[in-house]
Amino acid sequence: MDKQVISKSGQSFWLDYIDRELINSGTLSKYINEFGLKGLTSNPSIFLQAITKTDYYNKELQNLKTKKISDAYSGFLEIAIQDIQQAAALFTPIYELTNKQDGYVSIELPPNIANNVEESIKEAKNIFYRINMPNIMIKVPGTDSGIKIFSELIYLGINVNVTLLFDCGIYRKFADAYVVALKKRSDNGQSINHVASVASFFVSRIDATIDPMHNIKELKGKIAVANATKAYKQFLEVFSGDVWESLKSQGAMAQRPLWASTSTKNPAYSDILYVQELFADQTVNTLPEKTLLAFFDHGKTPTNIDNQKIKEAEQVLEKLENSNIELNQVTAKLLHDGLEAFQNDFNALMLSIEEYIE
């Protein structure tokens, strides 16, 4: 697949992984140059895999005690921020070339403070200003508390990646909050042409959960794409009209939908299903390395989401509703499970690091 074909679709590919070897080996640079990769995302699960399942960090872990670092989280930041800074440096030319639309690297807030608005804002500022690079995004979970955190960070001019979005209604709240926060900055005479955000809408986990709940053949492997397509329709609605056009004239950037969890969970489906079906202008797809390589090996020329695809998605979701499966109940559970999984992995990571500083 030619990287120019993807670029012409209006979608950007980001990588959903990071570790020291990916950077030091030149592999990340290769993906940027050969595949047109335009950003990178991380989360607690990714860092758990990177730090505890490889030997790339052994020396740094052993040096934490020498540096008199007394707690695991500080030790984690000491290591993770180096990776994030090095990756962001590689993406800086993309950031500049795309006029701040792309080239971002995301790092997540600690899951254990997800419901503490004040603490989350404080730690987001700490991480953002400590990294001290313009192409960094702080990941905030798609919860009620997250909306408050997100709104304040955008108002402060801090880039945000809203993560763990499954429900279109919740996504819409964040999209609306983004516009409100930008308008507040603008009304107070602050610049808005450098503030960026993406809304990470999780995809494959929806099919993995719903498929076993029914025997309707025409709905198998269809709900996740339909749900994401509905979110894209909402994106088009929010980022249009007089209020948005006024902000856009001041340099405001739309909060792009980012398709996350795009590796295929069901081996009966195409390994690039959630890439091939979700091309759309002004969107991002963050792919695990395996899925990225698979798409460039056997992906087909993209066909973007259009009015016909939106209509078909609405029909699929209507059929699901008629089957008495409550999609909002499924998405609520997926959010709960996602938060719990990140918390568990974060805890495991902290315990692993503690062994080196005791």
Protein backbone atom coordinates (compact mmCIF):
# COMPACT_ATOMS: atom_id res chain seq x y z
CA MET A 1 0.00 0.00 0.00
CA ASP A 2 1.41 3.38 -1.04
CA LYS A 3 1.55 5.84 1.87
CA GLN A 4 0.38 8.58 -0.51
CA VAL A 5 -2.90 6.72 -1.04
CA ILE A 6 -3.58 6.82 2.70
CA SER A 7 -2.63 10.49 2.91
CA LYS A 8 -5.06 11.37 0.12
CA SER A 9 -7.88 9.78 2.12
CA GLY A 10 -7.45 12.48 4.77
CA GLN A 11 -6.64 9.91 7.44
CA SER A 12 -3.43 9.68 9.45
CA PHE A 13 -1.83 6.49 10.74
CA TRP A 14 -0.35 6.55 14.24
CA LEU A 15 1.42 3.68 15.99
CA ASP A 16 -0.10 2.21 19.14
CA TYR A 17 3.14 1.13 20.79
CA ILE A 18 6.42 2.40 22.14
CA ASP A 19 9.60 0.98 23.60
CA ARG A 20 13.27 1.98 23.69
CA GLU A 21 14.35 -0.52 21.03
CA LEU A 22 11.70 0.71 18.58
CA ILE A 23 13.34 4.13 18.79
CA ASN A 24 17.01 3.17 19.07
CA SER A 25 16.92 0.56 16.31
CA GLY A 26 15.68 3.05 13.75
CA THR A 27 12.42 1.13 13.27
CA LEU A 28 10.24 4.07 14.25
CA SER A 29 12.11 6.33 11.83
CA LYS A 30 11.60 3.69 9.14
CA TYR A 31 7.85 3.64 9.75
CA ILE A 32 7.75 7.44 9.56
CA ASN A 33 9.73 7.59 6.33
CA GLU A 34 8.45 4.49 4.52
CA PHE A 35 4.88 4.15 5.81
CA GLY A 36 4.09 7.79 6.41
CA LEU A 37 3.44 7.23 10.12
CA LYS A 38 2.33 10.53 11.69
CA GLY A 39 2.06 9.95 15.44
CA LEU A 40 2.25 7.52 18.34
CA THR A 41 0.12 6.55 21.33
CA SER A 42 1.00 4.84 24.60
CA ASN A 43 -0.87 3.62 27.67
CA PRO A 44 -0.12 1.77 30.94
CA SER A 45 -0.48 -1.63 29.25
CA ILE A 46 2.04 -0.67 26.56
CA PHE A 47 4.58 0.55 29.10
CA LEU A 48 4.08 -2.59 31.21
CA GLN A 49 4.92 -4.67 28.14
CA ALA A 50 7.88 -2.48 27.21
CA ILE A 51 9.49 -2.18 30.64
CA THR A 52 8.82 -5.59 32.19
CA LYS A 53 8.77 -7.92 29.18
CA THR A 54 12.01 -6.75 27.55
CA ASP A 55 15.54 -6.15 28.77
CA TYR A 56 15.83 -2.71 27.14
CA TYR A 57 15.39 -0.91 30.47
CA ASN A 58 17.43 -3.09 32.83
CA LYS A 59 20.27 -0.63 33.27
CA GLU A 60 17.95 2.32 33.86
CA LEU A 61 15.88 0.37 36.35
CA GLN A 62 19.01 -0.58 38.25
CA ASN A 63 20.14 3.07 38.29
CA LEU A 64 16.92 4.36 39.89
CA LYS A 65 18.19 3.65 43.37
CA THR A 66 21.50 5.39 42.61
CA LYS A 67 19.52 8.45 41.53
CA LYS A 68 17.77 8.33 44.94
CA ILE A 69 14.34 7.96 43.37
CA SER A 70 12.14 6.85 46.24
CA ASP A 71 8.80 5.95 44.67
CA ALA A 72 7.78 3.79 41.73
CA TYR A 73 5.76 6.43 39.90
CA SER A 74 8.69 8.87 39.87
CA GLY A 75 10.84 6.04 38.57
CA PHE A 76 8.33 5.31 35.84
CA LEU A 77 8.25 8.95 34.73
CA GLU A 78 12.06 9.06 34.73
CA ILE A 79 12.03 6.22 32.17
CA ALA A 80 8.84 6.90 30.22
CA ILE A 81 9.47 10.59 29.62
CA GLN A 82 12.75 9.74 27.90
CA ASP A 83 10.90 7.47 25.47
CA ILE A 84 8.17 10.04 24.88
CA GLN A 85 10.66 12.86 24.29
CA GLN A 86 12.74 10.81 21.86
CA ALA A 87 9.66 9.71 19.93
CA ALA A 88 8.29 13.27 19.88
CA ALA A 89 11.60 14.51 18.49
CA LEU A 90 11.29 12.07 15.60
CA PHE A 91 7.77 13.32 14.90
CA THR A 92 8.63 17.04 15.21
CA PRO A 93 9.19 17.44 11.43
CA ILE A 94 5.70 15.97 10.86
CA TYR A 95 4.26 18.37 13.42
CA GLU A 96 5.82 21.31 11.62
CA LEU A 97 5.08 20.08 8.10
CA THR A 98 1.38 19.51 8.86
CA ASN A 99 1.02 22.86 10.68
CA LYS A 100 0.40 21.15 14.06
CA GLN A 101 -2.27 18.77 12.76
CA ASP A 102 -0.12 15.66 13.24
CA GLY A 103 3.17 14.49 14.76
CA TYR A 104 1.81 13.93 18.29
CA VAL A 105 2.95 11.46 20.93
CA SER A 106 0.49 10.58 23.71
CA ILE A 107 1.15 9.67 27.35
CA GLU A 108 -1.59 8.68 29.78
CA LEU A 109 -2.41 10.07 33.20
CA PRO A 110 -2.07 7.56 36.06
CA PRO A 111 -5.32 5.52 36.20
CA ASN A 112 -5.44 5.73 40.00
CA ILE A 113 -6.28 9.47 39.85
CA ALA A 114 -8.82 9.20 37.00
CA ASN A 115 -11.71 10.35 39.20
CA ASN A 116 -9.78 13.10 40.98
CA VAL A 117 -10.23 16.20 38.86
CA GLU A 118 -7.83 18.50 40.71
CA GLU A 119 -5.07 15.88 41.01
CA SER A 120 -5.43 14.88 37.36
CA ILE A 121 -5.14 18.48 36.16
CA LYS A 122 -2.10 19.01 38.41
CA GLU A 123 -0.38 15.86 37.12
CA ALA A 124 -1.26 16.61 33.49
CA LYS A 125 0.44 20.00 33.83
CA ASN A 126 3.43 18.36 35.53
CA ILE A 127 3.89 15.80 32.73
CA PHE A 128 3.20 18.23 29.87
CA TYR A 129 5.54 20.94 31.07
CA ARG A 130 8.21 18.48 32.21
CA ILE A 131 8.35 16.94 28.73
CA ASN A 132 8.34 20.51 27.40
CA MET A 133 7.57 19.74 23.77
CA PRO A 134 4.61 21.13 21.79
CA ASN A 135 3.67 17.84 20.11
CA ILE A 136 2.67 15.97 23.27
CA MET A 137 -0.87 14.86 24.13
CA ILE A 138 -2.02 13.95 27.63
CA LYS A 139 -4.45 11.03 27.62
CA VAL A 140 -7.60 11.53 29.71
CA PRO A 141 -10.27 8.81 30.10
CA GLY A 142 -13.74 9.25 28.62
CA THR A 143 -15.60 9.50 31.93
CA ASP A 144 -17.72 12.16 33.63
CA SER A 145 -14.68 13.28 35.62
CA GLY A 146 -12.70 13.15 32.40
CA ILE A 147 -14.91 15.81 30.82
CA LYS A 148 -14.04 18.27 33.59
CA ILE A 149 -10.34 17.43 33.38
CA PHE A 150 -10.37 17.64 29.59
CA SER A 151 -12.17 20.98 29.48
CA GLU A 152 -9.72 22.61 31.89
CA LEU A 153 -6.66 21.24 30.09
CA ILE A 154 -7.87 22.47 26.70
CA TYR A 155 -8.58 25.88 28.23
CA LEU A 156 -5.01 25.86 29.60
CA GLY A 157 -3.70 25.15 26.11
CA ILE A 158 -2.62 21.56 26.84
CA ASN A 159 -3.19 19.02 24.06
CA VAL A 160 -5.44 16.10 25.02
CA ASN A 161 -6.11 12.62 23.70
CA VAL A 162 -9.47 11.51 25.13
CA THR A 163 -9.21 7.74 25.54
CA LEU A 164 -11.53 4.78 26.20
CA LEU A 165 -14.48 6.19 24.27
CA PHE A 166 -17.04 3.55 23.31
CA ASP A 167 -20.36 5.39 23.50
CA CYS A 168 -21.42 7.95 20.88
CA GLY A 169 -23.29 9.99 23.45
CA ILE A 170 -20.20 10.35 25.63
CA TYR A 171 -18.07 11.13 22.58
CA ARG A 172 -20.46 13.94 21.66
CA LYS A 173 -20.10 15.47 25.13
CA PHE A 174 -16.32 15.66 24.73
CA ALA A 175 -16.55 17.09 21.22
CA ASP A 176 -18.96 19.78 22.41
CA ALA A 177 -16.76 20.48 25.46
CA TYR A 178 -13.77 20.99 23.17
CA VAL A 179 -15.57 23.69 21.20
CA VAL A 180 -16.72 25.39 24.41
CA ALA A 181 -13.19 25.36 25.89
CA LEU A 182 -11.67 26.81 22.72
CA LYS A 183 -14.31 29.52 22.59
CA LYS A 184 -13.58 30.37 26.23
CA ARG A 185 -9.88 30.76 25.40
CA SER A 186 -10.72 32.88 22.38
CA ASP A 187 -13.13 35.08 24.33
CA ASN A 188 -10.38 35.68 26.88
CA GLY A 189 -7.99 36.81 24.18
CA GLN A 190 -5.85 33.65 24.23
CA SER A 191 -4.57 31.97 21.08
CA ILE A 192 -6.23 28.76 19.96
CA ASN A 193 -4.15 27.89 16.91
CA HIS A 194 -1.80 25.56 18.79
CA VAL A 195 -4.31 23.54 20.84
CA ALA A 196 -4.98 20.03 19.52
CA SER A 197 -7.08 17.07 20.56
CA VAL A 198 -8.15 13.65 19.34
CA ALA A 199 -11.04 11.53 20.58
CA SER A 200 -9.94 7.89 20.82
CA PHE A 201 -12.97 5.82 19.91
CA PHE A 202 -12.37 2.13 20.66
CA VAL A 203 -13.57 -0.25 17.98
CA SER A 204 -12.84 -4.00 17.91
CA ARG A 205 -13.74 -4.69 21.53
CA ILE A 206 -17.37 -3.90 20.71
CA ASP A 207 -17.67 -6.73 18.18
CA ALA A 208 -15.73 -9.05 20.48
CA THR A 209 -18.35 -8.41 23.17
CA ILE A 210 -21.55 -8.24 21.11
CA ASP A 211 -20.97 -11.05 18.58
CA PRO A 212 -21.46 -13.83 21.18
CA MET A 213 -24.69 -12.18 22.36
CA HIS A 214 -26.70 -12.91 19.19
CA ASN A 215 -27.09 -15.25 16.20
CA ILE A 216 -27.98 -12.62 13.60
CA LYS A 217 -25.57 -13.37 10.76
CA GLU A 218 -25.81 -9.97 9.06
CA LEU A 219 -24.77 -8.23 12.30
CA LYS A 220 -21.69 -10.33 13.01
CA GLY A 221 -18.60 -8.16 12.84
CA LYS A 222 -20.66 -5.11 11.86
CA ILE A 223 -21.56 -3.28 15.07
CA ALA A 224 -18.13 -1.82 15.87
CA VAL A 225 -17.73 -0.19 12.47
CA ALA A 226 -21.34 1.04 12.52
CA ASN A 227 -20.85 2.58 15.98
CA ALA A 228 -17.66 4.33 14.89
CA THR A 229 -19.36 5.54 11.73
CA LYS A 230 -22.12 7.07 13.85
CA ALA A 231 -19.46 8.86 15.88
CA TYR A 232 -17.96 10.21 12.66
CA LYS A 233 -21.35 11.58 11.67
CA GLN A 234 -21.46 13.41 15.00
CA PHE A 235 -17.97 14.76 14.36
CA LEU A 236 -19.18 16.27 11.08
CA GLU A 237 -22.12 17.86 12.91
CA VAL A 238 -20.08 19.36 15.76
CA PHE A 239 -17.31 20.76 13.61
CA SER A 240 -19.48 22.78 11.27
CA GLY A 241 -21.74 25.81 11.56
CA ASP A 242 -21.16 29.42 12.51
CA VAL A 243 -19.56 28.93 15.94
CA TRP A 244 -17.02 26.44 14.68
CA GLU A 245 -16.28 28.41 11.50
CA SER A 246 -15.53 31.46 13.63
CA LEU A 247 -13.06 29.46 15.74
CA LYS A 248 -11.59 27.85 12.65
CA SER A 249 -10.92 31.29 11.17
CA GLN A 250 -8.73 31.93 14.24
CA GLY A 251 -6.71 28.78 13.53
CA ALA A 252 -8.65 26.28 15.63
CA MET A 253 -8.11 22.62 14.76
CA ALA A 254 -10.99 20.16 14.86
CA GLN A 255 -10.84 17.41 17.45
CA ARG A 256 -10.33 14.47 15.12
CA PRO A 257 -11.83 11.05 15.83
CA LEU A 258 -9.07 8.51 16.44
CA TRP A 259 -9.94 4.86 15.85
CA ALA A 260 -8.31 2.83 18.63
CA SER A 261 -8.34 -0.88 19.41
CA THR A 262 -8.14 -1.61 15.69
CA SER A 263 -6.45 -4.99 15.83
CA THR A 264 -8.91 -7.75 14.92
CA LYS A 265 -9.86 -9.95 17.86
CA ASN A 266 -11.83 -12.58 15.89
CA PRO A 267 -9.58 -14.72 13.64
CA ALA A 268 -12.58 -15.36 11.36
CA TYR A 269 -12.45 -11.71 10.28
CA SER A 270 -9.88 -9.91 8.18
CA ASP A 271 -6.83 -8.88 10.18
CA ILE A 272 -7.25 -5.35 8.79
CA LEU A 273 -11.05 -5.11 9.08
CA TYR A 274 -11.00 -2.10 11.42
CA VAL A 275 -8.51 -0.27 9.27
CA GLN A 276 -10.02 -0.94 5.86
CA GLU A 277 -13.59 -0.04 6.88
CA LEU A 278 -12.87 3.16 8.76
CA PHE A 279 -11.11 5.48 6.38
CA ALA A 280 -12.50 9.01 6.60
CA ASP A 281 -11.29 12.55 6.13
CA GLN A 282 -9.94 14.23 9.29
CA THR A 283 -9.53 11.00 11.23
CA VAL A 284 -6.66 9.05 12.78
CA ASN A 285 -6.18 5.30 13.10
CA THR A 286 -3.71 4.20 15.78
CA LEU A 287 -2.51 0.71 14.92
CA PRO A 288 -0.52 -1.94 16.78
CA GLU A 289 2.70 -2.74 14.92
CA LYS A 290 1.37 -6.07 13.63
CA THR A 291 -1.76 -4.45 12.17
CA LEU A 292 0.27 -1.62 10.62
CA LEU A 293 2.52 -4.12 8.83
CA ALA A 294 -0.46 -6.22 7.75
CA PHE A 295 -2.22 -3.27 6.15
CA PHE A 296 0.86 -2.24 4.19
CA ASP A 297 1.21 -5.85 3.07
CA HIS A 298 -2.33 -6.50 1.80
CA GLY A 299 -4.52 -3.45 2.36
CA LYS A 300 -6.79 -2.28 -0.43
CA THR A 301 -7.28 1.22 -1.82
CA PRO A 302 -9.36 3.06 0.82
CA THR A 303 -12.99 4.01 0.34
CA ASN A 304 -13.93 6.81 2.72
CA ILE A 305 -17.00 6.94 4.93
CA ASP A 306 -19.70 8.78 2.96
CA ASN A 307 -23.44 9.41 3.30
CA GLN A 308 -24.24 5.93 2.00
CA LYS A 309 -22.00 4.29 4.57
CA ILE A 310 -23.51 6.44 7.32
CA LYS A 311 -27.01 5.35 6.22
CA GLU A 312 -25.97 1.69 6.22
CA ALA A 313 -24.45 2.07 9.69
CA GLU A 314 -27.68 3.53 11.02
CA GLN A 315 -29.59 0.55 9.60
CA VAL A 316 -27.19 -1.88 11.28
CA LEU A 317 -27.58 -0.14 14.65
CA GLU A 318 -31.37 -0.13 14.23
CA LYS A 319 -31.34 -3.89 13.65
CA LEU A 320 -29.24 -4.33 16.78
CA GLU A 321 -31.71 -2.24 18.77
CA ASN A 322 -34.58 -4.38 17.47
CA SER A 323 -32.75 -7.49 18.68
CA ASN A 324 -33.10 -6.17 22.26
CA ILE A 325 -29.38 -5.78 22.79
CA GLU A 326 -28.69 -2.53 24.65
CA LEU A 327 -25.57 -1.07 23.06
CA ASN A 328 -25.20 1.56 25.79
CA GLN A 329 -25.02 -1.20 28.41
CA VAL A 330 -22.28 -2.91 26.42
CA THR A 331 -20.28 0.29 26.01
CA ALA A 332 -20.65 1.14 29.71
CA LYS A 333 -19.20 -2.26 30.65
CA LEU A 334 -16.39 -1.88 28.14
CA LEU A 335 -15.46 1.48 29.66
CA HIS A 336 -15.47 -0.06 33.14
CA ASP A 337 -13.39 -3.02 31.99
CA GLY A 338 -10.96 -0.77 30.11
CA LEU A 339 -10.38 1.43 33.13
CA GLU A 340 -9.89 -1.65 35.31
CA ALA A 341 -7.44 -3.22 32.85
CA PHE A 342 -5.32 -0.06 32.69
CA GLN A 343 -5.40 0.21 36.49
CA ASN A 344 -4.30 -3.42 36.91
CA ASP A 345 -1.46 -3.02 34.41
CA PHE A 346 -0.39 0.27 36.00
CA ASN A 347 -0.33 -1.41 39.43
CA ALA A 348 1.71 -4.31 38.06
CA LEU A 349 4.15 -1.85 36.50
CA MET A 350 4.53 0.07 39.76
CA LEU A 351 5.18 -3.16 41.71
CA SER A 352 7.82 -4.17 39.20
CA ILE A 353 9.62 -0.84 39.48
CA GLU A 354 9.40 -0.88 43.29
CA GLU A 355 11.66 -3.94 43.31
CA TYR A 356 14.49 -1.75 42.01
CA ILE A 357 14.16 1.09 44.50
CA GLU A 358 13.57 -0.73 47.77
